[in-house]
Amino acid sequence: MILLFSILLVLSSAMMIVLVLMHKGRGGGLSDMFGGGISSSLGGSSVAERNLDRITVGIAAIWVVSIFALGLLLKVSN
């Protein structure tokens, strides 16, 4: 069971990195420093951006649950 949640944690961590990097820069941060602020916003987020937000939140929830589950399993096993 610990191995299952460890694999789930590694996979969800990698997916979180990829999904966060896929998001469009909102300005005022590191994205502006490297030229991300040059592109203009069209006044709202597209359907693809909203779906990307939903997927990111879902993977983040899986990530948090796997951390709590691993913590509880490791505490019980010791």
PDB file of N, CA and C in Angstrom:
ATOM      1  N   MET A   1       0.828  -1.195   0.000  1.00  0.00           N
ATOM      2  CA  MET A   1       0.000   0.000   0.000  1.00  0.00           C
ATOM      3  C   MET A   1       0.876   1.264   0.000  1.00  0.00           C
ATOM      4  N   ILE A   2       1.966   1.210   0.759  1.00  0.00           N
ATOM      5  CA  ILE A   2       2.875   2.361   0.793  1.00  0.00           C
ATOM      6  C   ILE A   2       3.491   2.573  -0.582  1.00  0.00           C
ATOM      7  N   LEU A   3       3.845   1.484  -1.250  1.00  0.00           N
ATOM      8  CA  LEU A   3       4.427   1.590  -2.586  1.00  0.00           C
ATOM      9  C   LEU A   3       3.438   2.207  -3.576  1.00  0.00           C
ATOM     10  N   LEU A   4       2.172   1.835  -3.467  1.00  0.00           N
ATOM     11  CA  LEU A   4       1.143   2.384  -4.350  1.00  0.00           C
ATOM     12  C   LEU A   4       1.018   3.898  -4.185  1.00  0.00           C
ATOM     13  N   PHE A   5       0.958   4.357  -2.927  1.00  0.00           N
ATOM     14  CA  PHE A   5       0.835   5.793  -2.698  1.00  0.00           C
ATOM     15  C   PHE A   5       2.127   6.541  -3.027  1.00  0.00           C
ATOM     16  N   SER A   6       3.265   5.884  -2.894  1.00  0.00           N
ATOM     17  CA  SER A   6       4.528   6.518  -3.284  1.00  0.00           C
ATOM     18  C   SER A   6       4.580   6.740  -4.790  1.00  0.00           C
ATOM     19  N   ILE A   7       4.158   5.732  -5.548  1.00  0.00           N
ATOM     20  CA  ILE A   7       4.117   5.870  -7.010  1.00  0.00           C
ATOM     21  C   ILE A   7       3.114   6.942  -7.413  1.00  0.00           C
ATOM     22  N   LEU A   8       1.954   6.949  -6.741  1.00  0.00           N
ATOM     23  CA  LEU A   8       0.939   7.967  -7.023  1.00  0.00           C
ATOM     24  C   LEU A   8       1.460   9.369  -6.727  1.00  0.00           C
ATOM     25  N   LEU A   9       2.224   9.508  -5.654  1.00  0.00           N
ATOM     26  CA  LEU A   9       2.796  10.807  -5.298  1.00  0.00           C
ATOM     27  C   LEU A   9       3.808  11.272  -6.332  1.00  0.00           C
ATOM     28  N   VAL A  10       4.665  10.371  -6.790  1.00  0.00           N
ATOM     29  CA  VAL A  10       5.670  10.738  -7.792  1.00  0.00           C
ATOM     30  C   VAL A  10       4.998  11.136  -9.107  1.00  0.00           C
ATOM     31  N   LEU A  11       4.014  10.351  -9.535  1.00  0.00           N
ATOM     32  CA  LEU A  11       3.317  10.663 -10.793  1.00  0.00           C
ATOM     33  C   LEU A  11       2.540  11.974 -10.703  1.00  0.00           C
ATOM     34  N   SER A  12       1.843  12.180  -9.584  1.00  0.00           N
ATOM     35  CA  SER A  12       1.075  13.420  -9.451  1.00  0.00           C
ATOM     36  C   SER A  12       1.996  14.629  -9.307  1.00  0.00           C
ATOM     37  N   SER A  13       3.159  14.456  -8.698  1.00  0.00           N
ATOM     38  CA  SER A  13       4.123  15.556  -8.606  1.00  0.00           C
ATOM     39  C   SER A  13       4.632  15.951  -9.983  1.00  0.00           C
ATOM     40  N   ALA A  14       4.964  14.959 -10.790  1.00  0.00           N
ATOM     41  CA  ALA A  14       5.433  15.244 -12.150  1.00  0.00           C
ATOM     42  C   ALA A  14       4.338  15.909 -12.977  1.00  0.00           C
ATOM     43  N   MET A  15       3.101  15.425 -12.830  1.00  0.00           N
ATOM     44  CA  MET A  15       1.988  16.035 -13.557  1.00  0.00           C
ATOM     45  C   MET A  15       1.742  17.475 -13.101  1.00  0.00           C
ATOM     46  N   MET A  16       1.881  17.736 -11.801  1.00  0.00           N
ATOM     47  CA  MET A  16       1.698  19.105 -11.297  1.00  0.00           C
ATOM     48  C   MET A  16       2.729  20.048 -11.908  1.00  0.00           C
ATOM     49  N   ILE A  17       3.968  19.604 -12.001  1.00  0.00           N
ATOM     50  CA  ILE A  17       5.015  20.441 -12.597  1.00  0.00           C
ATOM     51  C   ILE A  17       4.658  20.775 -14.039  1.00  0.00           C
ATOM     52  N   VAL A  18       4.271  19.770 -14.798  1.00  0.00           N
ATOM     53  CA  VAL A  18       3.934  19.985 -16.207  1.00  0.00           C
ATOM     54  C   VAL A  18       2.716  20.893 -16.347  1.00  0.00           C
ATOM     55  N   LEU A  19       1.687  20.644 -15.538  1.00  0.00           N
ATOM     56  CA  LEU A  19       0.456  21.434 -15.668  1.00  0.00           C
ATOM     57  C   LEU A  19       0.663  22.888 -15.255  1.00  0.00           C
ATOM     58  N   VAL A  20       1.428  23.120 -14.208  1.00  0.00           N
ATOM     59  CA  VAL A  20       1.677  24.507 -13.783  1.00  0.00           C
ATOM     60  C   VAL A  20       2.494  25.246 -14.837  1.00  0.00           C
ATOM     61  N   LEU A  21       3.441  24.566 -15.450  1.00  0.00           N
ATOM     62  CA  LEU A  21       4.231  25.212 -16.487  1.00  0.00           C
ATOM     63  C   LEU A  21       3.421  25.483 -17.753  1.00  0.00           C
ATOM     64  N   MET A  22       2.346  24.755 -17.970  1.00  0.00           N
ATOM     65  CA  MET A  22       1.506  24.969 -19.149  1.00  0.00           C
ATOM     66  C   MET A  22       0.591  26.184 -19.011  1.00  0.00           C
ATOM     67  N   HIS A  23       0.376  26.658 -17.787  1.00  0.00           N
ATOM     68  CA  HIS A  23      -0.521  27.793 -17.576  1.00  0.00           C
ATOM     69  C   HIS A  23       0.061  29.062 -18.172  1.00  0.00           C
ATOM     70  N   LYS A  24      -0.841  29.902 -18.613  1.00  0.00           N
ATOM     71  CA  LYS A  24      -0.464  31.196 -19.174  1.00  0.00           C
ATOM     72  C   LYS A  24      -0.091  32.132 -18.026  1.00  0.00           C
ATOM     73  N   GLY A  25       0.956  32.920 -18.210  1.00  0.00           N
ATOM     74  CA  GLY A  25       1.373  33.878 -17.201  1.00  0.00           C
ATOM     75  C   GLY A  25       0.340  34.967 -16.998  1.00  0.00           C
ATOM     76  N   ARG A  26       0.095  35.336 -15.758  1.00  0.00           N
ATOM     77  CA  ARG A  26      -0.906  36.366 -15.455  1.00  0.00           C
ATOM     78  C   ARG A  26      -0.285  37.747 -15.293  1.00  0.00           C
ATOM     79  N   GLY A  27       1.029  37.842 -15.293  1.00  0.00           N
ATOM     80  CA  GLY A  27       1.689  39.137 -15.180  1.00  0.00           C
ATOM     81  C   GLY A  27       2.115  39.428 -13.753  1.00  0.00           C
ATOM     82  N   GLY A  28       3.157  40.230 -13.642  1.00  0.00           N
ATOM     83  CA  GLY A  28       3.620  40.647 -12.334  1.00  0.00           C
ATOM     84  C   GLY A  28       4.550  39.660 -11.654  1.00  0.00           C
ATOM     85  N   GLY A  29       4.928  38.611 -12.317  1.00  0.00           N
ATOM     86  CA  GLY A  29       5.790  37.617 -11.701  1.00  0.00           C
ATOM     87  C   GLY A  29       6.985  37.307 -12.567  1.00  0.00           C
ATOM     88  N   LEU A  30       7.480  36.108 -12.440  1.00  0.00           N
ATOM     89  CA  LEU A  30       8.642  35.705 -13.214  1.00  0.00           C
ATOM     90  C   LEU A  30       8.352  35.646 -14.705  1.00  0.00           C
ATOM     91  N   SER A  31       7.088  35.424 -15.067  1.00  0.00           N
ATOM     92  CA  SER A  31       6.766  35.366 -16.493  1.00  0.00           C
ATOM     93  C   SER A  31       7.002  36.716 -17.165  1.00  0.00           C
ATOM     94  N   ASP A  32       6.789  37.817 -16.459  1.00  0.00           N
ATOM     95  CA  ASP A  32       7.064  39.145 -17.014  1.00  0.00           C
ATOM     96  C   ASP A  32       8.561  39.384 -17.154  1.00  0.00           C
ATOM     97  N   MET A  33       9.322  38.861 -16.211  1.00  0.00           N
ATOM     98  CA  MET A  33      10.756  39.085 -16.229  1.00  0.00           C
ATOM     99  C   MET A  33      11.397  38.487 -17.480  1.00  0.00           C
ATOM    100  N   PHE A  34      10.878  37.367 -17.952  1.00  0.00           N
ATOM    101  CA  PHE A  34      11.463  36.685 -19.095  1.00  0.00           C
ATOM    102  C   PHE A  34      10.677  36.910 -20.377  1.00  0.00           C
ATOM    103  N   GLY A  35       9.866  37.949 -20.440  1.00  0.00           N
ATOM    104  CA  GLY A  35       9.188  38.301 -21.673  1.00  0.00           C
ATOM    105  C   GLY A  35       7.788  37.765 -21.804  1.00  0.00           C
ATOM    106  N   GLY A  36       7.245  37.146 -20.772  1.00  0.00           N
ATOM    107  CA  GLY A  36       5.893  36.616 -20.846  1.00  0.00           C
ATOM    108  C   GLY A  36       4.839  37.701 -20.827  1.00  0.00           C
ATOM    109  N   GLY A  37       5.166  38.901 -20.365  1.00  0.00           N
ATOM    110  CA  GLY A  37       4.198  39.982 -20.280  1.00  0.00           C
ATOM    111  C   GLY A  37       3.972  40.705 -21.582  1.00  0.00           C
ATOM    112  N   ILE A  38       4.703  40.354 -22.619  1.00  0.00           N
ATOM    113  CA  ILE A  38       4.580  41.038 -23.908  1.00  0.00           C
ATOM    114  C   ILE A  38       3.279  40.666 -24.606  1.00  0.00           C
ATOM    115  N   SER A  39       2.863  39.418 -24.470  1.00  0.00           N
ATOM    116  CA  SER A  39       1.636  38.997 -25.146  1.00  0.00           C
ATOM    117  C   SER A  39       0.423  39.643 -24.494  1.00  0.00           C
ATOM    118  N   SER A  40      -0.559  39.976 -25.292  1.00  0.00           N
ATOM    119  CA  SER A  40      -1.743  40.644 -24.759  1.00  0.00           C
ATOM    120  C   SER A  40      -2.802  39.624 -24.386  1.00  0.00           C
ATOM    121  N   SER A  41      -3.552  39.945 -23.362  1.00  0.00           N
ATOM    122  CA  SER A  41      -4.642  39.077 -22.941  1.00  0.00           C
ATOM    123  C   SER A  41      -5.896  39.461 -23.713  1.00  0.00           C
ATOM    124  N   LEU A  42      -6.704  38.485 -24.054  1.00  0.00           N
ATOM    125  CA  LEU A  42      -7.897  38.752 -24.847  1.00  0.00           C
ATOM    126  C   LEU A  42      -9.132  38.979 -23.980  1.00  0.00           C
ATOM    127  N   GLY A  43      -8.938  39.287 -22.703  1.00  0.00           N
ATOM    128  CA  GLY A  43     -10.063  39.663 -21.860  1.00  0.00           C
ATOM    129  C   GLY A  43     -10.772  38.518 -21.181  1.00  0.00           C
ATOM    130  N   GLY A  44     -10.194  37.392 -21.087  1.00  0.00           N
ATOM    131  CA  GLY A  44     -10.831  36.271 -20.405  1.00  0.00           C
ATOM    132  C   GLY A  44     -10.094  34.992 -20.706  1.00  0.00           C
ATOM    133  N   SER A  45     -10.390  34.010 -19.916  1.00  0.00           N
ATOM    134  CA  SER A  45      -9.699  32.750 -20.159  1.00  0.00           C
ATOM    135  C   SER A  45     -10.512  31.890 -21.129  1.00  0.00           C
ATOM    136  N   SER A  46      -9.800  31.190 -21.933  1.00  0.00           N
ATOM    137  CA  SER A  46     -10.450  30.355 -22.938  1.00  0.00           C
ATOM    138  C   SER A  46     -10.940  29.060 -22.297  1.00  0.00           C
ATOM    139  N   VAL A  47     -11.641  28.287 -23.073  1.00  0.00           N
ATOM    140  CA  VAL A  47     -12.146  26.999 -22.597  1.00  0.00           C
ATOM    141  C   VAL A  47     -10.977  26.081 -22.252  1.00  0.00           C
ATOM    142  N   ALA A  48      -9.941  26.126 -23.066  1.00  0.00           N
ATOM    143  CA  ALA A  48      -8.773  25.283 -22.804  1.00  0.00           C
ATOM    144  C   ALA A  48      -8.110  25.670 -21.484  1.00  0.00           C
ATOM    145  N   GLU A  49      -8.028  26.954 -21.205  1.00  0.00           N
ATOM    146  CA  GLU A  49      -7.415  27.415 -19.957  1.00  0.00           C
ATOM    147  C   GLU A  49      -8.272  27.013 -18.757  1.00  0.00           C
ATOM    148  N   ARG A  50      -9.582  27.107 -18.880  1.00  0.00           N
ATOM    149  CA  ARG A  50     -10.461  26.686 -17.778  1.00  0.00           C
ATOM    150  C   ARG A  50     -10.355  25.185 -17.534  1.00  0.00           C
ATOM    151  N   ASN A  51     -10.290  24.408 -18.616  1.00  0.00           N
ATOM    152  CA  ASN A  51     -10.121  22.963 -18.462  1.00  0.00           C
ATOM    153  C   ASN A  51      -8.770  22.628 -17.843  1.00  0.00           C
ATOM    154  N   LEU A  52      -7.739  23.364 -18.221  1.00  0.00           N
ATOM    155  CA  LEU A  52      -6.417  23.167 -17.635  1.00  0.00           C
ATOM    156  C   LEU A  52      -6.448  23.485 -16.138  1.00  0.00           C
ATOM    157  N   ASP A  53      -7.194  24.524 -15.762  1.00  0.00           N
ATOM    158  CA  ASP A  53      -7.358  24.850 -14.340  1.00  0.00           C
ATOM    159  C   ASP A  53      -8.031  23.706 -13.591  1.00  0.00           C
ATOM    160  N   ARG A  54      -9.077  23.152 -14.178  1.00  0.00           N
ATOM    161  CA  ARG A  54      -9.801  22.050 -13.520  1.00  0.00           C
ATOM    162  C   ARG A  54      -8.923  20.814 -13.369  1.00  0.00           C
ATOM    163  N   ILE A  55      -8.175  20.489 -14.402  1.00  0.00           N
ATOM    164  CA  ILE A  55      -7.284  19.328 -14.338  1.00  0.00           C
ATOM    165  C   ILE A  55      -6.199  19.552 -13.288  1.00  0.00           C
ATOM    166  N   THR A  56      -5.663  20.770 -13.226  1.00  0.00           N
ATOM    167  CA  THR A  56      -4.627  21.082 -12.243  1.00  0.00           C
ATOM    168  C   THR A  56      -5.164  20.942 -10.825  1.00  0.00           C
ATOM    169  N   VAL A  57      -6.362  21.430 -10.572  1.00  0.00           N
ATOM    170  CA  VAL A  57      -6.963  21.301  -9.244  1.00  0.00           C
ATOM    171  C   VAL A  57      -7.205  19.836  -8.907  1.00  0.00           C
ATOM    172  N   GLY A  58      -7.647  19.047  -9.862  1.00  0.00           N
ATOM    173  CA  GLY A  58      -7.871  17.620  -9.624  1.00  0.00           C
ATOM    174  C   GLY A  58      -6.586  16.883  -9.290  1.00  0.00           C
ATOM    175  N   ILE A  59      -5.521  17.151 -10.045  1.00  0.00           N
ATOM    176  CA  ILE A  59      -4.229  16.510  -9.773  1.00  0.00           C
ATOM    177  C   ILE A  59      -3.680  16.992  -8.436  1.00  0.00           C
ATOM    178  N   ALA A  60      -3.897  18.264  -8.102  1.00  0.00           N
ATOM    179  CA  ALA A  60      -3.442  18.775  -6.808  1.00  0.00           C
ATOM    180  C   ALA A  60      -4.175  18.080  -5.662  1.00  0.00           C
ATOM    181  N   ALA A  61      -5.455  17.796  -5.839  1.00  0.00           N
ATOM    182  CA  ALA A  61      -6.214  17.078  -4.809  1.00  0.00           C
ATOM    183  C   ALA A  61      -5.674  15.659  -4.636  1.00  0.00           C
ATOM    184  N   ILE A  62      -5.366  14.990  -5.736  1.00  0.00           N
ATOM    185  CA  ILE A  62      -4.772  13.647  -5.663  1.00  0.00           C
ATOM    186  C   ILE A  62      -3.419  13.712  -4.960  1.00  0.00           C
ATOM    187  N   TRP A  63      -2.632  14.746  -5.247  1.00  0.00           N
ATOM    188  CA  TRP A  63      -1.318  14.938  -4.642  1.00  0.00           C
ATOM    189  C   TRP A  63      -1.442  15.092  -3.123  1.00  0.00           C
ATOM    190  N   VAL A  64      -2.385  15.928  -2.686  1.00  0.00           N
ATOM    191  CA  VAL A  64      -2.573  16.164  -1.251  1.00  0.00           C
ATOM    192  C   VAL A  64      -3.057  14.897  -0.548  1.00  0.00           C
ATOM    193  N   VAL A  65      -4.001  14.202  -1.153  1.00  0.00           N
ATOM    194  CA  VAL A  65      -4.521  12.965  -0.548  1.00  0.00           C
ATOM    195  C   VAL A  65      -3.417  11.921  -0.437  1.00  0.00           C
ATOM    196  N   SER A  66      -2.577  11.816  -1.453  1.00  0.00           N
ATOM    197  CA  SER A  66      -1.496  10.824  -1.385  1.00  0.00           C
ATOM    198  C   SER A  66      -0.468  11.193  -0.319  1.00  0.00           C
ATOM    199  N   ILE A  67      -0.221  12.470  -0.094  1.00  0.00           N
ATOM    200  CA  ILE A  67       0.699  12.878   0.975  1.00  0.00           C
ATOM    201  C   ILE A  67       0.118  12.514   2.342  1.00  0.00           C
ATOM    202  N   PHE A  68      -1.164  12.823   2.562  1.00  0.00           N
ATOM    203  CA  PHE A  68      -1.789  12.479   3.836  1.00  0.00           C
ATOM    204  C   PHE A  68      -1.829  10.963   4.041  1.00  0.00           C
ATOM    205  N   ALA A  69      -2.160  10.223   2.994  1.00  0.00           N
ATOM    206  CA  ALA A  69      -2.228   8.764   3.110  1.00  0.00           C
ATOM    207  C   ALA A  69      -0.858   8.180   3.421  1.00  0.00           C
ATOM    208  N   LEU A  70       0.186   8.676   2.749  1.00  0.00           N
ATOM    209  CA  LEU A  70       1.531   8.188   3.038  1.00  0.00           C
ATOM    210  C   LEU A  70       1.949   8.524   4.461  1.00  0.00           C
ATOM    211  N   GLY A  71       1.614   9.718   4.904  1.00  0.00           N
ATOM    212  CA  GLY A  71       1.940  10.098   6.275  1.00  0.00           C
ATOM    213  C   GLY A  71       1.273   9.189   7.289  1.00  0.00           C
ATOM    214  N   LEU A  72       0.004   8.905   7.075  1.00  0.00           N
ATOM    215  CA  LEU A  72      -0.717   8.026   8.002  1.00  0.00           C
ATOM    216  C   LEU A  72      -0.194   6.592   7.937  1.00  0.00           C
ATOM    217  N   LEU A  73       0.059   6.094   6.736  1.00  0.00           N
ATOM    218  CA  LEU A  73       0.568   4.735   6.595  1.00  0.00           C
ATOM    219  C   LEU A  73       1.955   4.577   7.211  1.00  0.00           C
ATOM    220  N   LEU A  74       2.804   5.562   7.012  1.00  0.00           N
ATOM    221  CA  LEU A  74       4.134   5.473   7.592  1.00  0.00           C
ATOM    222  C   LEU A  74       4.111   5.610   9.108  1.00  0.00           C
ATOM    223  N   LYS A  75       3.174   6.381   9.637  1.00  0.00           N
ATOM    224  CA  LYS A  75       3.049   6.512  11.077  1.00  0.00           C
ATOM    225  C   LYS A  75       2.551   5.217  11.707  1.00  0.00           C
ATOM    226  N   VAL A  76       1.607   4.557  11.047  1.00  0.00           N
ATOM    227  CA  VAL A  76       1.046   3.317  11.557  1.00  0.00           C
ATOM    228  C   VAL A  76       2.064   2.181  11.447  1.00  0.00           C
ATOM    229  N   SER A  77       2.872   2.175  10.379  1.00  0.00           N
ATOM    230  CA  SER A  77       3.807   1.071  10.172  1.00  0.00           C
ATOM    231  C   SER A  77       4.986   1.118  11.130  1.00  0.00           C
ATOM    232  N   ASN A  78       5.277   2.268  11.713  1.00  0.00           N
ATOM    233  CA  ASN A  78       6.414   2.367  12.649  1.00  0.00           C
ATOM    234  C   ASN A  78       6.015   2.077  14.025  1.00  0.00           C
TER     235      ASN A  78
END
